[in-house]
PDB file of N, CA and C in Angstrom:
ATOM      1  N   MET A   1       0.839  -1.186   0.000  1.00  0.00           N
ATOM      2  CA  MET A   1       0.000   0.000   0.000  1.00  0.00           C
ATOM      3  C   MET A   1       0.877   1.240   0.000  1.00  0.00           C
ATOM      4  N   LEU A   2       0.429   2.202  -0.709  1.00  0.00           N
ATOM      5  CA  LEU A   2       1.129   3.483  -0.807  1.00  0.00           C
ATOM      6  C   LEU A   2       0.230   4.528  -0.160  1.00  0.00           C
ATOM      7  N   THR A   3       0.762   5.277   0.791  1.00  0.00           N
ATOM      8  CA  THR A   3      -0.017   6.317   1.446  1.00  0.00           C
ATOM      9  C   THR A   3       0.313   7.660   0.810  1.00  0.00           C
ATOM     10  N   LEU A   4      -0.709   8.269   0.219  1.00  0.00           N
ATOM     11  CA  LEU A   4      -0.540   9.566  -0.429  1.00  0.00           C
ATOM     12  C   LEU A   4      -0.519  10.661   0.628  1.00  0.00           C
ATOM     13  N   PRO A   5       0.023  11.829   0.288  1.00  0.00           N
ATOM     14  CA  PRO A   5       0.119  12.921   1.267  1.00  0.00           C
ATOM     15  C   PRO A   5      -1.223  13.324   1.889  1.00  0.00           C
ATOM     16  N   ASN A   6      -2.336  13.103   1.165  1.00  0.00           N
ATOM     17  CA  ASN A   6      -3.648  13.466   1.718  1.00  0.00           C
ATOM     18  C   ASN A   6      -4.207  12.373   2.629  1.00  0.00           C
ATOM     19  N   GLY A   7      -3.426  11.288   2.844  1.00  0.00           N
ATOM     20  CA  GLY A   7      -3.845  10.217   3.726  1.00  0.00           C
ATOM     21  C   GLY A   7      -4.530   9.052   3.034  1.00  0.00           C
ATOM     22  N   THR A   8      -4.843   9.205   1.767  1.00  0.00           N
ATOM     23  CA  THR A   8      -5.466   8.137   0.999  1.00  0.00           C
ATOM     24  C   THR A   8      -4.463   7.010   0.792  1.00  0.00           C
ATOM     25  N   GLU A   9      -4.929   5.775   0.949  1.00  0.00           N
ATOM     26  CA  GLU A   9      -4.066   4.623   0.684  1.00  0.00           C
ATOM     27  C   GLU A   9      -4.434   4.041  -0.671  1.00  0.00           C
ATOM     28  N   ALA A  10      -3.413   3.688  -1.433  1.00  0.00           N
ATOM     29  CA  ALA A  10      -3.622   3.137  -2.767  1.00  0.00           C
ATOM     30  C   ALA A  10      -2.777   1.883  -2.932  1.00  0.00           C
ATOM     31  N   GLY A  11      -3.402   0.839  -3.409  1.00  0.00           N
ATOM     32  CA  GLY A  11      -2.659  -0.365  -3.740  1.00  0.00           C
ATOM     33  C   GLY A  11      -2.038  -0.194  -5.117  1.00  0.00           C
ATOM     34  N   VAL A  12      -0.786  -0.538  -5.248  1.00  0.00           N
ATOM     35  CA  VAL A  12      -0.105  -0.406  -6.537  1.00  0.00           C
ATOM     36  C   VAL A  12       0.634  -1.697  -6.857  1.00  0.00           C
ATOM     37  N   PHE A  13       0.609  -2.052  -8.122  1.00  0.00           N
ATOM     38  CA  PHE A  13       1.325  -3.231  -8.601  1.00  0.00           C
ATOM     39  C   PHE A  13       2.646  -2.805  -9.210  1.00  0.00           C
ATOM     40  N   GLY A  14       3.705  -3.566  -8.944  1.00  0.00           N
ATOM     41  CA  GLY A  14       4.979  -3.365  -9.604  1.00  0.00           C
ATOM     42  C   GLY A  14       5.940  -2.401  -8.953  1.00  0.00           C
ATOM     43  N   LEU A  15       5.577  -1.848  -7.819  1.00  0.00           N
ATOM     44  CA  LEU A  15       6.421  -0.830  -7.193  1.00  0.00           C
ATOM     45  C   LEU A  15       7.773  -1.391  -6.769  1.00  0.00           C
ATOM     46  N   ASP A  16       7.784  -2.562  -6.169  1.00  0.00           N
ATOM     47  CA  ASP A  16       9.051  -3.154  -5.728  1.00  0.00           C
ATOM     48  C   ASP A  16      10.005  -3.382  -6.897  1.00  0.00           C
ATOM     49  N   GLU A  17       9.467  -3.880  -7.991  1.00  0.00           N
ATOM     50  CA  GLU A  17      10.291  -4.137  -9.174  1.00  0.00           C
ATOM     51  C   GLU A  17      10.856  -2.845  -9.762  1.00  0.00           C
ATOM     52  N   ILE A  18      10.034  -1.806  -9.783  1.00  0.00           N
ATOM     53  CA  ILE A  18      10.494  -0.507 -10.292  1.00  0.00           C
ATOM     54  C   ILE A  18      11.613   0.026  -9.399  1.00  0.00           C
ATOM     55  N   PHE A  19      11.434  -0.057  -8.082  1.00  0.00           N
ATOM     56  CA  PHE A  19      12.463   0.406  -7.150  1.00  0.00           C
ATOM     57  C   PHE A  19      13.770  -0.354  -7.373  1.00  0.00           C
ATOM     58  N   GLU A  20      13.671  -1.670  -7.497  1.00  0.00           N
ATOM     59  CA  GLU A  20      14.865  -2.494  -7.721  1.00  0.00           C
ATOM     60  C   GLU A  20      15.592  -2.082  -8.993  1.00  0.00           C
ATOM     61  N   ASP A  21      14.845  -1.920 -10.068  1.00  0.00           N
ATOM     62  CA  ASP A  21      15.447  -1.535 -11.352  1.00  0.00           C
ATOM     63  C   ASP A  21      16.140  -0.178 -11.256  1.00  0.00           C
ATOM     64  N   LEU A  22      15.482   0.775 -10.648  1.00  0.00           N
ATOM     65  CA  LEU A  22      16.067   2.108 -10.525  1.00  0.00           C
ATOM     66  C   LEU A  22      17.323   2.091  -9.655  1.00  0.00           C
ATOM     67  N   TYR A  23      17.269   1.330  -8.572  1.00  0.00           N
ATOM     68  CA  TYR A  23      18.427   1.252  -7.686  1.00  0.00           C
ATOM     69  C   TYR A  23      19.614   0.620  -8.402  1.00  0.00           C
ATOM     70  N   ARG A  24      19.340  -0.463  -9.136  1.00  0.00           N
ATOM     71  CA  ARG A  24      20.410  -1.154  -9.874  1.00  0.00           C
ATOM     72  C   ARG A  24      21.064  -0.248 -10.914  1.00  0.00           C
ATOM     73  N   THR A  25      20.287   0.665 -11.486  1.00  0.00           N
ATOM     74  CA  THR A  25      20.842   1.558 -12.503  1.00  0.00           C
ATOM     75  C   THR A  25      21.397   2.849 -11.904  1.00  0.00           C
ATOM     76  N   GLY A  26      21.409   2.930 -10.559  1.00  0.00           N
ATOM     77  CA  GLY A  26      22.037   4.068  -9.897  1.00  0.00           C
ATOM     78  C   GLY A  26      21.188   5.319  -9.787  1.00  0.00           C
ATOM     79  N   LYS A  27      19.882   5.193  -9.984  1.00  0.00           N
ATOM     80  CA  LYS A  27      19.006   6.371  -9.889  1.00  0.00           C
ATOM     81  C   LYS A  27      18.797   6.750  -8.433  1.00  0.00           C
ATOM     82  N   LYS A  28      19.138   7.981  -8.119  1.00  0.00           N
ATOM     83  CA  LYS A  28      18.983   8.487  -6.763  1.00  0.00           C
ATOM     84  C   LYS A  28      17.573   9.049  -6.577  1.00  0.00           C
ATOM     85  N   PRO A  29      17.106   9.070  -5.332  1.00  0.00           N
ATOM     86  CA  PRO A  29      15.782   9.633  -5.060  1.00  0.00           C
ATOM     87  C   PRO A  29      15.768  11.141  -5.328  1.00  0.00           C
ATOM     88  N   ASN A  30      14.929  11.559  -6.240  1.00  0.00           N
ATOM     89  CA  ASN A  30      14.712  12.974  -6.523  1.00  0.00           C
ATOM     90  C   ASN A  30      13.388  13.102  -7.286  1.00  0.00           C
ATOM     91  N   MET A  31      12.981  14.300  -7.583  1.00  0.00           N
ATOM     92  CA  MET A  31      11.685  14.500  -8.232  1.00  0.00           C
ATOM     93  C   MET A  31      11.639  13.918  -9.646  1.00  0.00           C
ATOM     94  N   ASP A  32      12.750  13.931 -10.344  1.00  0.00           N
ATOM     95  CA  ASP A  32      12.786  13.334 -11.679  1.00  0.00           C
ATOM     96  C   ASP A  32      12.556  11.821 -11.589  1.00  0.00           C
ATOM     97  N   THR A  33      13.183  11.195 -10.619  1.00  0.00           N
ATOM     98  CA  THR A  33      12.999   9.759 -10.412  1.00  0.00           C
ATOM     99  C   THR A  33      11.553   9.474 -10.006  1.00  0.00           C
ATOM    100  N   ALA A  34      10.983  10.305  -9.144  1.00  0.00           N
ATOM    101  CA  ALA A  34       9.591  10.116  -8.719  1.00  0.00           C
ATOM    102  C   ALA A  34       8.656  10.197  -9.919  1.00  0.00           C
ATOM    103  N   TYR A  35       8.907  11.140 -10.816  1.00  0.00           N
ATOM    104  CA  TYR A  35       8.099  11.274 -12.032  1.00  0.00           C
ATOM    105  C   TYR A  35       8.184   9.985 -12.861  1.00  0.00           C
ATOM    106  N   LYS A  36       9.394   9.454 -13.006  1.00  0.00           N
ATOM    107  CA  LYS A  36       9.589   8.229 -13.784  1.00  0.00           C
ATOM    108  C   LYS A  36       8.888   7.035 -13.137  1.00  0.00           C
ATOM    109  N   ILE A  37       8.925   6.970 -11.819  1.00  0.00           N
ATOM    110  CA  ILE A  37       8.257   5.878 -11.114  1.00  0.00           C
ATOM    111  C   ILE A  37       6.758   5.926 -11.385  1.00  0.00           C
ATOM    112  N   VAL A  38       6.160   7.094 -11.233  1.00  0.00           N
ATOM    113  CA  VAL A  38       4.714   7.216 -11.447  1.00  0.00           C
ATOM    114  C   VAL A  38       4.366   6.930 -12.900  1.00  0.00           C
ATOM    115  N   LYS A  39       5.187   7.382 -13.809  1.00  0.00           N
ATOM    116  CA  LYS A  39       4.948   7.096 -15.222  1.00  0.00           C
ATOM    117  C   LYS A  39       4.943   5.580 -15.461  1.00  0.00           C
ATOM    118  N   SER A  40       5.873   4.870 -14.853  1.00  0.00           N
ATOM    119  CA  SER A  40       5.916   3.413 -14.977  1.00  0.00           C
ATOM    120  C   SER A  40       4.717   2.758 -14.305  1.00  0.00           C
ATOM    121  N   LEU A  41       4.318   3.280 -13.156  1.00  0.00           N
ATOM    122  CA  LEU A  41       3.172   2.722 -12.443  1.00  0.00           C
ATOM    123  C   LEU A  41       1.892   2.821 -13.264  1.00  0.00           C
ATOM    124  N   LYS A  42       1.780   3.881 -14.061  1.00  0.00           N
ATOM    125  CA  LYS A  42       0.579   4.075 -14.876  1.00  0.00           C
ATOM    126  C   LYS A  42       0.381   2.954 -15.889  1.00  0.00           C
ATOM    127  N   ASP A  43       1.449   2.260 -16.240  1.00  0.00           N
ATOM    128  CA  ASP A  43       1.324   1.140 -17.176  1.00  0.00           C
ATOM    129  C   ASP A  43       0.566  -0.034 -16.555  1.00  0.00           C
ATOM    130  N   MET A  44       0.597  -0.154 -15.218  1.00  0.00           N
ATOM    131  CA  MET A  44       0.004  -1.311 -14.539  1.00  0.00           C
ATOM    132  C   MET A  44      -1.094  -0.945 -13.551  1.00  0.00           C
ATOM    133  N   ASN A  45      -1.283   0.348 -13.292  1.00  0.00           N
ATOM    134  CA  ASN A  45      -2.212   0.798 -12.253  1.00  0.00           C
ATOM    135  C   ASN A  45      -3.019   1.999 -12.751  1.00  0.00           C
ATOM    136  N   TYR A  46      -4.213   2.124 -12.208  1.00  0.00           N
ATOM    137  CA  TYR A  46      -5.008   3.315 -12.478  1.00  0.00           C
ATOM    138  C   TYR A  46      -4.556   4.408 -11.517  1.00  0.00           C
ATOM    139  N   ILE A  47      -4.204   5.549 -12.082  1.00  0.00           N
ATOM    140  CA  ILE A  47      -3.859   6.713 -11.277  1.00  0.00           C
ATOM    141  C   ILE A  47      -4.811   7.819 -11.706  1.00  0.00           C
ATOM    142  N   ALA A  48      -5.626   8.258 -10.778  1.00  0.00           N
ATOM    143  CA  ALA A  48      -6.674   9.228 -11.080  1.00  0.00           C
ATOM    144  C   ALA A  48      -6.099  10.522 -11.646  1.00  0.00           C
ATOM    145  N   PRO A  49      -6.802  11.091 -12.613  1.00  0.00           N
ATOM    146  CA  PRO A  49      -6.366  12.387 -13.146  1.00  0.00           C
ATOM    147  C   PRO A  49      -6.252  13.411 -12.020  1.00  0.00           C
ATOM    148  N   GLY A  50      -5.213  14.183 -12.051  1.00  0.00           N
ATOM    149  CA  GLY A  50      -5.000  15.210 -11.040  1.00  0.00           C
ATOM    150  C   GLY A  50      -4.283  14.732  -9.791  1.00  0.00           C
ATOM    151  N   SER A  51      -3.949  13.440  -9.726  1.00  0.00           N
ATOM    152  CA  SER A  51      -3.279  12.938  -8.520  1.00  0.00           C
ATOM    153  C   SER A  51      -1.804  12.630  -8.754  1.00  0.00           C
ATOM    154  N   GLN A  52      -1.287  12.983  -9.908  1.00  0.00           N
ATOM    155  CA  GLN A  52       0.109  12.711 -10.274  1.00  0.00           C
ATOM    156  C   GLN A  52       1.080  13.223  -9.211  1.00  0.00           C
ATOM    157  N   LYS A  53       0.910  14.464  -8.789  1.00  0.00           N
ATOM    158  CA  LYS A  53       1.850  15.068  -7.824  1.00  0.00           C
ATOM    159  C   LYS A  53       1.778  14.378  -6.465  1.00  0.00           C
ATOM    160  N   GLN A  54       0.587  13.949  -6.074  1.00  0.00           N
ATOM    161  CA  GLN A  54       0.460  13.230  -4.803  1.00  0.00           C
ATOM    162  C   GLN A  54       1.184  11.890  -4.876  1.00  0.00           C
ATOM    163  N   TYR A  55       1.030  11.205  -5.999  1.00  0.00           N
ATOM    164  CA  TYR A  55       1.737   9.936  -6.173  1.00  0.00           C
ATOM    165  C   TYR A  55       3.248  10.159  -6.206  1.00  0.00           C
ATOM    166  N   GLU A  56       3.682  11.210  -6.876  1.00  0.00           N
ATOM    167  CA  GLU A  56       5.114  11.502  -6.932  1.00  0.00           C
ATOM    168  C   GLU A  56       5.682  11.727  -5.532  1.00  0.00           C
ATOM    169  N   ALA A  57       4.978  12.484  -4.720  1.00  0.00           N
ATOM    170  CA  ALA A  57       5.449  12.738  -3.356  1.00  0.00           C
ATOM    171  C   ALA A  57       5.515  11.442  -2.557  1.00  0.00           C
ATOM    172  N   ALA A  58       4.502  10.599  -2.709  1.00  0.00           N
ATOM    173  CA  ALA A  58       4.453   9.341  -1.955  1.00  0.00           C
ATOM    174  C   ALA A  58       5.547   8.376  -2.398  1.00  0.00           C
ATOM    175  N   VAL A  59       5.733   8.231  -3.712  1.00  0.00           N
ATOM    176  CA  VAL A  59       6.755   7.282  -4.177  1.00  0.00           C
ATOM    177  C   VAL A  59       8.151   7.804  -3.893  1.00  0.00           C
ATOM    178  N   LEU A  60       8.342   9.107  -3.918  1.00  0.00           N
ATOM    179  CA  LEU A  60       9.651   9.660  -3.584  1.00  0.00           C
ATOM    180  C   LEU A  60      10.003   9.325  -2.132  1.00  0.00           C
ATOM    181  N   LYS A  61       9.050   9.487  -1.248  1.00  0.00           N
ATOM    182  CA  LYS A  61       9.276   9.159   0.167  1.00  0.00           C
ATOM    183  C   LYS A  61       9.621   7.673   0.321  1.00  0.00           C
ATOM    184  N   GLU A  62       8.850   6.816  -0.334  1.00  0.00           N
ATOM    185  CA  GLU A  62       9.081   5.373  -0.228  1.00  0.00           C
ATOM    186  C   GLU A  62      10.378   4.946  -0.911  1.00  0.00           C
ATOM    187  N   TYR A  63      10.694   5.571  -2.042  1.00  0.00           N
ATOM    188  CA  TYR A  63      11.938   5.215  -2.725  1.00  0.00           C
ATOM    189  C   TYR A  63      13.145   5.663  -1.904  1.00  0.00           C
ATOM    190  N   GLN A  64      13.036   6.790  -1.233  1.00  0.00           N
ATOM    191  CA  GLN A  64      14.129   7.257  -0.372  1.00  0.00           C
ATOM    192  C   GLN A  64      14.398   6.230   0.727  1.00  0.00           C
ATOM    193  N   ILE A  65      13.340   5.710   1.329  1.00  0.00           N
ATOM    194  CA  ILE A  65      13.492   4.685   2.371  1.00  0.00           C
ATOM    195  C   ILE A  65      14.144   3.441   1.776  1.00  0.00           C
ATOM    196  N   PHE A  66      13.632   2.985   0.641  1.00  0.00           N
ATOM    197  CA  PHE A  66      14.182   1.806  -0.033  1.00  0.00           C
ATOM    198  C   PHE A  66      15.657   2.017  -0.371  1.00  0.00           C
ATOM    199  N   TYR A  67      15.980   3.173  -0.916  1.00  0.00           N
ATOM    200  CA  TYR A  67      17.345   3.508  -1.327  1.00  0.00           C
ATOM    201  C   TYR A  67      18.288   3.489  -0.130  1.00  0.00           C
ATOM    202  N   ASP A  68      17.877   4.132   0.947  1.00  0.00           N
ATOM    203  CA  ASP A  68      18.717   4.194   2.147  1.00  0.00           C
ATOM    204  C   ASP A  68      18.937   2.805   2.737  1.00  0.00           C
ATOM    205  N   GLU A  69      17.892   1.998   2.803  1.00  0.00           N
ATOM    206  CA  GLU A  69      18.017   0.650   3.349  1.00  0.00           C
ATOM    207  C   GLU A  69      18.866  -0.244   2.439  1.00  0.00           C
ATOM    208  N   SER A  70      18.751  -0.076   1.144  1.00  0.00           N
ATOM    209  CA  SER A  70      19.482  -0.902   0.189  1.00  0.00           C
ATOM    210  C   SER A  70      20.971  -0.630   0.229  1.00  0.00           C
ATOM    211  N   LYS A  71      21.358   0.592   0.538  1.00  0.00           N
ATOM    212  CA  LYS A  71      22.784   0.913   0.612  1.00  0.00           C
ATOM    213  C   LYS A  71      23.491   0.064   1.661  1.00  0.00           C
ATOM    214  N   TYR A  72      22.768  -0.259   2.724  1.00  0.00           N
ATOM    215  CA  TYR A  72      23.374  -1.012   3.818  1.00  0.00           C
ATOM    216  C   TYR A  72      23.237  -2.518   3.645  1.00  0.00           C
ATOM    217  N   ASP A  73      22.272  -2.928   2.825  1.00  0.00           N
ATOM    218  CA  ASP A  73      22.023  -4.357   2.608  1.00  0.00           C
ATOM    219  C   ASP A  73      22.929  -4.949   1.532  1.00  0.00           C
ATOM    220  N   ARG A  74      23.555  -4.109   0.745  1.00  0.00           N
ATOM    221  CA  ARG A  74      24.296  -4.629  -0.404  1.00  0.00           C
ATOM    222  C   ARG A  74      25.754  -4.401  -0.263  1.00  0.00           C
TER     223      ARG A  74
END
């Protein structure tokens, strides 16, 4: 589940795989990466019109956590 800044929870498919791919290719957490993540998510998930920025903020937060934890696991 992904928690959006407004508190809404959204189930998303493929997020773990996207995070893994981005990490392997050296993509650091930033707004450009968040945009790319949401763009990829749209291929497998419905993202309501007008909620792009909320999803970007949520995935950036989650990718930052994933990125930080992965640095120590590898």
